[in-house]
Amino acid sequence: MKVLIAYNLEDEHVEKIMKAFPGVELIRVSDPGNMGDAIVDADVMLGGRFNAELFAKAKKLKWVQSASAGAERFLFPEFVE
């Protein structure tokens, strides 16, 4: 499983995730604007930005975890469908 972290998550939290789930591949993208290539084969995305363009690139995506309140911005038609 590949998890894309497109959020400013502190190193200690990433280390805890890696320790708890050693078989999971974690990919960190410091600039959410540059996550187009990384999202292609990600199973999970943790972040604050997600749109129809990124969704179209995400061929394996099964879960999107918002890093903040206000998740309605993720509810664009392609994603809802």
PDB file of N, CA and C in Angstrom:
ATOM      1  N   MET A   1       0.852  -1.180   0.000  1.00  0.00           N
ATOM      2  CA  MET A   1       0.000   0.000   0.000  1.00  0.00           C
ATOM      3  C   MET A   1       0.890   1.233   0.000  1.00  0.00           C
ATOM      4  N   LYS A   2       0.482   2.216  -0.779  1.00  0.00           N
ATOM      5  CA  LYS A   2       1.223   3.473  -0.872  1.00  0.00           C
ATOM      6  C   LYS A   2       0.353   4.604  -0.338  1.00  0.00           C
ATOM      7  N   VAL A   3       0.911   5.344   0.621  1.00  0.00           N
ATOM      8  CA  VAL A   3       0.214   6.476   1.230  1.00  0.00           C
ATOM      9  C   VAL A   3       0.960   7.749   0.868  1.00  0.00           C
ATOM     10  N   LEU A   4       0.255   8.670   0.261  1.00  0.00           N
ATOM     11  CA  LEU A   4       0.806   9.965  -0.112  1.00  0.00           C
ATOM     12  C   LEU A   4       0.440  10.982   0.956  1.00  0.00           C
ATOM     13  N   ILE A   5       1.444  11.585   1.545  1.00  0.00           N
ATOM     14  CA  ILE A   5       1.217  12.632   2.543  1.00  0.00           C
ATOM     15  C   ILE A   5       1.551  13.959   1.881  1.00  0.00           C
ATOM     16  N   ALA A   6       0.515  14.718   1.584  1.00  0.00           N
ATOM     17  CA  ALA A   6       0.658  16.025   0.944  1.00  0.00           C
ATOM     18  C   ALA A   6       0.206  17.091   1.935  1.00  0.00           C
ATOM     19  N   TYR A   7       0.833  17.048   3.065  1.00  0.00           N
ATOM     20  CA  TYR A   7       0.462  17.920   4.180  1.00  0.00           C
ATOM     21  C   TYR A   7       1.706  18.083   5.031  1.00  0.00           C
ATOM     22  N   ASN A   8       1.820  19.188   5.710  1.00  0.00           N
ATOM     23  CA  ASN A   8       2.986  19.439   6.543  1.00  0.00           C
ATOM     24  C   ASN A   8       2.882  18.657   7.858  1.00  0.00           C
ATOM     25  N   LEU A   9       3.080  17.373   7.778  1.00  0.00           N
ATOM     26  CA  LEU A   9       3.023  16.498   8.945  1.00  0.00           C
ATOM     27  C   LEU A   9       4.408  16.435   9.565  1.00  0.00           C
ATOM     28  N   GLU A  10       4.486  16.622  10.862  1.00  0.00           N
ATOM     29  CA  GLU A  10       5.776  16.640  11.536  1.00  0.00           C
ATOM     30  C   GLU A  10       6.465  15.279  11.433  1.00  0.00           C
ATOM     31  N   ASP A  11       7.797  15.312  11.384  1.00  0.00           N
ATOM     32  CA  ASP A  11       8.592  14.100  11.232  1.00  0.00           C
ATOM     33  C   ASP A  11       8.250  13.043  12.276  1.00  0.00           C
ATOM     34  N   GLU A  12       8.033  13.455  13.510  1.00  0.00           N
ATOM     35  CA  GLU A  12       7.747  12.479  14.564  1.00  0.00           C
ATOM     36  C   GLU A  12       6.453  11.710  14.277  1.00  0.00           C
ATOM     37  N   HIS A  13       5.475  12.352  13.668  1.00  0.00           N
ATOM     38  CA  HIS A  13       4.221  11.677  13.337  1.00  0.00           C
ATOM     39  C   HIS A  13       4.413  10.703  12.173  1.00  0.00           C
ATOM     40  N   VAL A  14       5.209  11.109  11.196  1.00  0.00           N
ATOM     41  CA  VAL A  14       5.509  10.225  10.070  1.00  0.00           C
ATOM     42  C   VAL A  14       6.259   8.998  10.575  1.00  0.00           C
ATOM     43  N   GLU A  15       7.206   9.197  11.474  1.00  0.00           N
ATOM     44  CA  GLU A  15       7.967   8.076  12.045  1.00  0.00           C
ATOM     45  C   GLU A  15       7.055   7.117  12.805  1.00  0.00           C
ATOM     46  N   LYS A  16       6.079   7.650  13.533  1.00  0.00           N
ATOM     47  CA  LYS A  16       5.130   6.798  14.250  1.00  0.00           C
ATOM     48  C   LYS A  16       4.300   5.959  13.280  1.00  0.00           C
ATOM     49  N   ILE A  17       3.880   6.571  12.186  1.00  0.00           N
ATOM     50  CA  ILE A  17       3.110   5.846  11.174  1.00  0.00           C
ATOM     51  C   ILE A  17       3.970   4.739  10.579  1.00  0.00           C
ATOM     52  N   MET A  18       5.215   5.052  10.252  1.00  0.00           N
ATOM     53  CA  MET A  18       6.112   4.065   9.654  1.00  0.00           C
ATOM     54  C   MET A  18       6.374   2.905  10.611  1.00  0.00           C
ATOM     55  N   LYS A  19       6.506   3.211  11.882  1.00  0.00           N
ATOM     56  CA  LYS A  19       6.754   2.170  12.882  1.00  0.00           C
ATOM     57  C   LYS A  19       5.514   1.286  13.058  1.00  0.00           C
ATOM     58  N   ALA A  20       4.337   1.895  13.060  1.00  0.00           N
ATOM     59  CA  ALA A  20       3.096   1.141  13.262  1.00  0.00           C
ATOM     60  C   ALA A  20       2.720   0.308  12.037  1.00  0.00           C
ATOM     61  N   PHE A  21       3.120   0.764  10.848  1.00  0.00           N
ATOM     62  CA  PHE A  21       2.750   0.092   9.598  1.00  0.00           C
ATOM     63  C   PHE A  21       3.989  -0.088   8.720  1.00  0.00           C
ATOM     64  N   PRO A  22       4.877  -1.015   9.090  1.00  0.00           N
ATOM     65  CA  PRO A  22       6.145  -1.152   8.368  1.00  0.00           C
ATOM     66  C   PRO A  22       6.001  -1.561   6.901  1.00  0.00           C
ATOM     67  N   GLY A  23       4.902  -2.164   6.519  1.00  0.00           N
ATOM     68  CA  GLY A  23       4.720  -2.589   5.140  1.00  0.00           C
ATOM     69  C   GLY A  23       4.147  -1.518   4.229  1.00  0.00           C
ATOM     70  N   VAL A  24       3.845  -0.365   4.788  1.00  0.00           N
ATOM     71  CA  VAL A  24       3.239   0.720   4.010  1.00  0.00           C
ATOM     72  C   VAL A  24       4.336   1.632   3.472  1.00  0.00           C
ATOM     73  N   GLU A  25       4.238   1.964   2.205  1.00  0.00           N
ATOM     74  CA  GLU A  25       5.171   2.905   1.589  1.00  0.00           C
ATOM     75  C   GLU A  25       4.612   4.314   1.776  1.00  0.00           C
ATOM     76  N   LEU A  26       5.352   5.153   2.460  1.00  0.00           N
ATOM     77  CA  LEU A  26       4.936   6.537   2.681  1.00  0.00           C
ATOM     78  C   LEU A  26       5.709   7.454   1.743  1.00  0.00           C
ATOM     79  N   ILE A  27       4.980   8.283   1.034  1.00  0.00           N
ATOM     80  CA  ILE A  27       5.582   9.269   0.144  1.00  0.00           C
ATOM     81  C   ILE A  27       5.157  10.640   0.651  1.00  0.00           C
ATOM     82  N   ARG A  28       6.143  11.487   0.910  1.00  0.00           N
ATOM     83  CA  ARG A  28       5.845  12.841   1.368  1.00  0.00           C
ATOM     84  C   ARG A  28       6.105  13.831   0.250  1.00  0.00           C
ATOM     85  N   VAL A  29       5.169  14.728   0.063  1.00  0.00           N
ATOM     86  CA  VAL A  29       5.309  15.799  -0.918  1.00  0.00           C
ATOM     87  C   VAL A  29       5.189  17.098  -0.141  1.00  0.00           C
ATOM     88  N   SER A  30       6.272  17.866  -0.117  1.00  0.00           N
ATOM     89  CA  SER A  30       6.263  19.093   0.678  1.00  0.00           C
ATOM     90  C   SER A  30       5.389  20.173   0.067  1.00  0.00           C
ATOM     91  N   ASP A  31       5.291  20.197  -1.250  1.00  0.00           N
ATOM     92  CA  ASP A  31       4.454  21.187  -1.931  1.00  0.00           C
ATOM     93  C   ASP A  31       3.281  20.458  -2.578  1.00  0.00           C
ATOM     94  N   PRO A  32       2.067  20.600  -2.018  1.00  0.00           N
ATOM     95  CA  PRO A  32       0.913  19.897  -2.580  1.00  0.00           C
ATOM     96  C   PRO A  32       0.681  20.193  -4.058  1.00  0.00           C
ATOM     97  N   GLY A  33       1.188  21.295  -4.552  1.00  0.00           N
ATOM     98  CA  GLY A  33       1.062  21.614  -5.962  1.00  0.00           C
ATOM     99  C   GLY A  33       1.877  20.694  -6.859  1.00  0.00           C
ATOM    100  N   ASN A  34       2.809  19.941  -6.270  1.00  0.00           N
ATOM    101  CA  ASN A  34       3.671  19.044  -7.038  1.00  0.00           C
ATOM    102  C   ASN A  34       3.360  17.572  -6.796  1.00  0.00           C
ATOM    103  N   MET A  35       2.147  17.258  -6.429  1.00  0.00           N
ATOM    104  CA  MET A  35       1.868  15.856  -6.112  1.00  0.00           C
ATOM    105  C   MET A  35       1.251  15.078  -7.259  1.00  0.00           C
ATOM    106  N   GLY A  36       1.188  15.662  -8.445  1.00  0.00           N
ATOM    107  CA  GLY A  36       0.591  14.992  -9.595  1.00  0.00           C
ATOM    108  C   GLY A  36       1.191  13.641  -9.910  1.00  0.00           C
ATOM    109  N   ASP A  37       2.518  13.523  -9.958  1.00  0.00           N
ATOM    110  CA  ASP A  37       3.166  12.251 -10.268  1.00  0.00           C
ATOM    111  C   ASP A  37       3.041  11.259  -9.119  1.00  0.00           C
ATOM    112  N   ALA A  38       3.106  11.753  -7.898  1.00  0.00           N
ATOM    113  CA  ALA A  38       3.060  10.870  -6.731  1.00  0.00           C
ATOM    114  C   ALA A  38       1.683  10.258  -6.508  1.00  0.00           C
ATOM    115  N   ILE A  39       0.643  10.934  -6.952  1.00  0.00           N
ATOM    116  CA  ILE A  39      -0.709  10.443  -6.686  1.00  0.00           C
ATOM    117  C   ILE A  39      -1.143   9.348  -7.664  1.00  0.00           C
ATOM    118  N   VAL A  40      -0.416   9.188  -8.747  1.00  0.00           N
ATOM    119  CA  VAL A  40      -0.805   8.236  -9.789  1.00  0.00           C
ATOM    120  C   VAL A  40      -1.048   6.840  -9.238  1.00  0.00           C
ATOM    121  N   ASP A  41      -0.145   6.340  -8.402  1.00  0.00           N
ATOM    122  CA  ASP A  41      -0.302   4.980  -7.882  1.00  0.00           C
ATOM    123  C   ASP A  41      -0.493   4.932  -6.366  1.00  0.00           C
ATOM    124  N   ALA A  42      -0.920   6.053  -5.777  1.00  0.00           N
ATOM    125  CA  ALA A  42      -1.188   6.086  -4.336  1.00  0.00           C
ATOM    126  C   ALA A  42      -2.533   5.434  -4.037  1.00  0.00           C
ATOM    127  N   ASP A  43      -2.570   4.694  -2.937  1.00  0.00           N
ATOM    128  CA  ASP A  43      -3.817   4.080  -2.467  1.00  0.00           C
ATOM    129  C   ASP A  43      -4.568   5.027  -1.530  1.00  0.00           C
ATOM    130  N   VAL A  44      -3.806   5.825  -0.788  1.00  0.00           N
ATOM    131  CA  VAL A  44      -4.366   6.740   0.207  1.00  0.00           C
ATOM    132  C   VAL A  44      -3.677   8.091   0.046  1.00  0.00           C
ATOM    133  N   MET A  45      -4.442   9.168   0.223  1.00  0.00           N
ATOM    134  CA  MET A  45      -3.874  10.501   0.180  1.00  0.00           C
ATOM    135  C   MET A  45      -4.311  11.263   1.423  1.00  0.00           C
ATOM    136  N   LEU A  46      -3.341  11.807   2.139  1.00  0.00           N
ATOM    137  CA  LEU A  46      -3.605  12.673   3.287  1.00  0.00           C
ATOM    138  C   LEU A  46      -3.170  14.066   2.882  1.00  0.00           C
ATOM    139  N   GLY A  47      -4.113  15.001   2.895  1.00  0.00           N
ATOM    140  CA  GLY A  47      -3.739  16.343   2.496  1.00  0.00           C
ATOM    141  C   GLY A  47      -4.881  17.321   2.607  1.00  0.00           C
ATOM    142  N   GLY A  48      -4.583  18.525   2.253  1.00  0.00           N
ATOM    143  CA  GLY A  48      -5.570  19.580   2.331  1.00  0.00           C
ATOM    144  C   GLY A  48      -6.039  20.058   0.980  1.00  0.00           C
ATOM    145  N   ARG A  49      -5.368  19.615  -0.084  1.00  0.00           N
ATOM    146  CA  ARG A  49      -5.747  20.033  -1.434  1.00  0.00           C
ATOM    147  C   ARG A  49      -6.008  18.797  -2.282  1.00  0.00           C
ATOM    148  N   PHE A  50      -7.152  18.793  -2.926  1.00  0.00           N
ATOM    149  CA  PHE A  50      -7.512  17.692  -3.811  1.00  0.00           C
ATOM    150  C   PHE A  50      -8.557  18.232  -4.766  1.00  0.00           C
ATOM    151  N   ASN A  51      -8.352  17.996  -6.061  1.00  0.00           N
ATOM    152  CA  ASN A  51      -9.284  18.527  -7.040  1.00  0.00           C
ATOM    153  C   ASN A  51      -9.508  17.512  -8.161  1.00  0.00           C
ATOM    154  N   ALA A  52     -10.331  17.867  -9.119  1.00  0.00           N
ATOM    155  CA  ALA A  52     -10.682  16.957 -10.213  1.00  0.00           C
ATOM    156  C   ALA A  52      -9.463  16.579 -11.047  1.00  0.00           C
ATOM    157  N   GLU A  53      -8.546  17.496 -11.240  1.00  0.00           N
ATOM    158  CA  GLU A  53      -7.332  17.203 -12.014  1.00  0.00           C
ATOM    159  C   GLU A  53      -6.494  16.125 -11.333  1.00  0.00           C
ATOM    160  N   LEU A  54      -6.298  16.243 -10.028  1.00  0.00           N
ATOM    161  CA  LEU A  54      -5.546  15.221  -9.284  1.00  0.00           C
ATOM    162  C   LEU A  54      -6.306  13.904  -9.249  1.00  0.00           C
ATOM    163  N   PHE A  55      -7.610  13.984  -9.076  1.00  0.00           N
ATOM    164  CA  PHE A  55      -8.429  12.778  -9.034  1.00  0.00           C
ATOM    165  C   PHE A  55      -8.309  11.990 -10.343  1.00  0.00           C
ATOM    166  N   ALA A  56      -8.264  12.688 -11.456  1.00  0.00           N
ATOM    167  CA  ALA A  56      -8.138  12.029 -12.763  1.00  0.00           C
ATOM    168  C   ALA A  56      -6.816  11.279 -12.894  1.00  0.00           C
ATOM    169  N   LYS A  57      -5.777  11.751 -12.210  1.00  0.00           N
ATOM    170  CA  LYS A  57      -4.463  11.099 -12.253  1.00  0.00           C
ATOM    171  C   LYS A  57      -4.379   9.915 -11.286  1.00  0.00           C
ATOM    172  N   ALA A  58      -5.227   9.900 -10.277  1.00  0.00           N
ATOM    173  CA  ALA A  58      -5.155   8.908  -9.199  1.00  0.00           C
ATOM    174  C   ALA A  58      -5.827   7.605  -9.622  1.00  0.00           C
ATOM    175  N   LYS A  59      -5.058   6.706 -10.184  1.00  0.00           N
ATOM    176  CA  LYS A  59      -5.613   5.474 -10.751  1.00  0.00           C
ATOM    177  C   LYS A  59      -5.937   4.403  -9.704  1.00  0.00           C
ATOM    178  N   LYS A  60      -5.295   4.455  -8.535  1.00  0.00           N
ATOM    179  CA  LYS A  60      -5.497   3.411  -7.516  1.00  0.00           C
ATOM    180  C   LYS A  60      -6.121   3.943  -6.221  1.00  0.00           C
ATOM    181  N   LEU A  61      -6.429   5.204  -6.168  1.00  0.00           N
ATOM    182  CA  LEU A  61      -6.859   5.858  -4.937  1.00  0.00           C
ATOM    183  C   LEU A  61      -8.130   5.234  -4.355  1.00  0.00           C
ATOM    184  N   LYS A  62      -8.047   4.883  -3.070  1.00  0.00           N
ATOM    185  CA  LYS A  62      -9.179   4.272  -2.368  1.00  0.00           C
ATOM    186  C   LYS A  62      -9.674   5.127  -1.205  1.00  0.00           C
ATOM    187  N   TRP A  63      -8.828   6.038  -0.738  1.00  0.00           N
ATOM    188  CA  TRP A  63      -9.174   6.819   0.445  1.00  0.00           C
ATOM    189  C   TRP A  63      -8.508   8.182   0.359  1.00  0.00           C
ATOM    190  N   VAL A  64      -9.283   9.221   0.687  1.00  0.00           N
ATOM    191  CA  VAL A  64      -8.748  10.579   0.803  1.00  0.00           C
ATOM    192  C   VAL A  64      -9.053  11.052   2.209  1.00  0.00           C
ATOM    193  N   GLN A  65      -8.010  11.402   2.933  1.00  0.00           N
ATOM    194  CA  GLN A  65      -8.168  11.880   4.301  1.00  0.00           C
ATOM    195  C   GLN A  65      -7.864  13.372   4.334  1.00  0.00           C
ATOM    196  N   SER A  66      -8.858  14.159   4.671  1.00  0.00           N
ATOM    197  CA  SER A  66      -8.655  15.596   4.786  1.00  0.00           C
ATOM    198  C   SER A  66      -7.832  15.887   6.033  1.00  0.00           C
ATOM    199  N   ALA A  67      -6.927  16.814   5.899  1.00  0.00           N
ATOM    200  CA  ALA A  67      -6.091  17.208   7.026  1.00  0.00           C
ATOM    201  C   ALA A  67      -6.698  18.375   7.799  1.00  0.00           C
ATOM    202  N   SER A  68      -7.913  18.761   7.417  1.00  0.00           N
ATOM    203  CA  SER A  68      -8.548  19.888   8.083  1.00  0.00           C
ATOM    204  C   SER A  68     -10.062  19.775   7.984  1.00  0.00           C
ATOM    205  N   ALA A  69     -10.728  20.681   8.664  1.00  0.00           N
ATOM    206  CA  ALA A  69     -12.191  20.760   8.560  1.00  0.00           C
ATOM    207  C   ALA A  69     -12.543  21.364   7.206  1.00  0.00           C
ATOM    208  N   GLY A  70     -13.786  21.270   6.838  1.00  0.00           N
ATOM    209  CA  GLY A  70     -14.213  21.850   5.577  1.00  0.00           C
ATOM    210  C   GLY A  70     -13.988  20.917   4.405  1.00  0.00           C
ATOM    211  N   ALA A  71     -14.278  19.648   4.591  1.00  0.00           N
ATOM    212  CA  ALA A  71     -14.033  18.646   3.553  1.00  0.00           C
ATOM    213  C   ALA A  71     -14.976  18.785   2.361  1.00  0.00           C
ATOM    214  N   GLU A  72     -15.948  19.675   2.436  1.00  0.00           N
ATOM    215  CA  GLU A  72     -16.874  19.820   1.310  1.00  0.00           C
ATOM    216  C   GLU A  72     -16.163  20.263   0.036  1.00  0.00           C
ATOM    217  N   ARG A  73     -14.991  20.844   0.151  1.00  0.00           N
ATOM    218  CA  ARG A  73     -14.252  21.245  -1.052  1.00  0.00           C
ATOM    219  C   ARG A  73     -13.780  20.030  -1.849  1.00  0.00           C
ATOM    220  N   PHE A  74     -13.788  18.850  -1.232  1.00  0.00           N
ATOM    221  CA  PHE A  74     -13.427  17.620  -1.934  1.00  0.00           C
ATOM    222  C   PHE A  74     -14.611  17.050  -2.720  1.00  0.00           C
ATOM    223  N   LEU A  75     -15.780  17.575  -2.516  1.00  0.00           N
ATOM    224  CA  LEU A  75     -16.984  16.980  -3.086  1.00  0.00           C
ATOM    225  C   LEU A  75     -17.310  17.512  -4.479  1.00  0.00           C
ATOM    226  N   PHE A  76     -16.332  17.500  -5.358  1.00  0.00           N
ATOM    227  CA  PHE A  76     -16.574  17.876  -6.747  1.00  0.00           C
ATOM    228  C   PHE A  76     -17.246  16.682  -7.445  1.00  0.00           C
ATOM    229  N   PRO A  77     -17.978  16.925  -8.512  1.00  0.00           N
ATOM    230  CA  PRO A  77     -18.818  15.878  -9.132  1.00  0.00           C
ATOM    231  C   PRO A  77     -18.105  14.576  -9.452  1.00  0.00           C
ATOM    232  N   GLU A  78     -16.897  14.626 -10.016  1.00  0.00           N
ATOM    233  CA  GLU A  78     -16.183  13.398 -10.387  1.00  0.00           C
ATOM    234  C   GLU A  78     -15.887  12.521  -9.177  1.00  0.00           C
ATOM    235  N   PHE A  79     -15.539  13.141  -8.072  1.00  0.00           N
ATOM    236  CA  PHE A  79     -15.195  12.404  -6.859  1.00  0.00           C
ATOM    237  C   PHE A  79     -16.439  11.817  -6.203  1.00  0.00           C
ATOM    238  N   VAL A  80     -17.522  12.574  -6.175  1.00  0.00           N
ATOM    239  CA  VAL A  80     -18.772  12.103  -5.575  1.00  0.00           C
ATOM    240  C   VAL A  80     -19.296  10.904  -6.337  1.00  0.00           C
ATOM    241  N   GLU A  81     -19.216  10.973  -7.669  1.00  0.00           N
ATOM    242  CA  GLU A  81     -19.710   9.881  -8.503  1.00  0.00           C
ATOM    243  C   GLU A  81     -18.943   8.614  -8.226  1.00  0.00           C
TER     244      GLU A  81
END
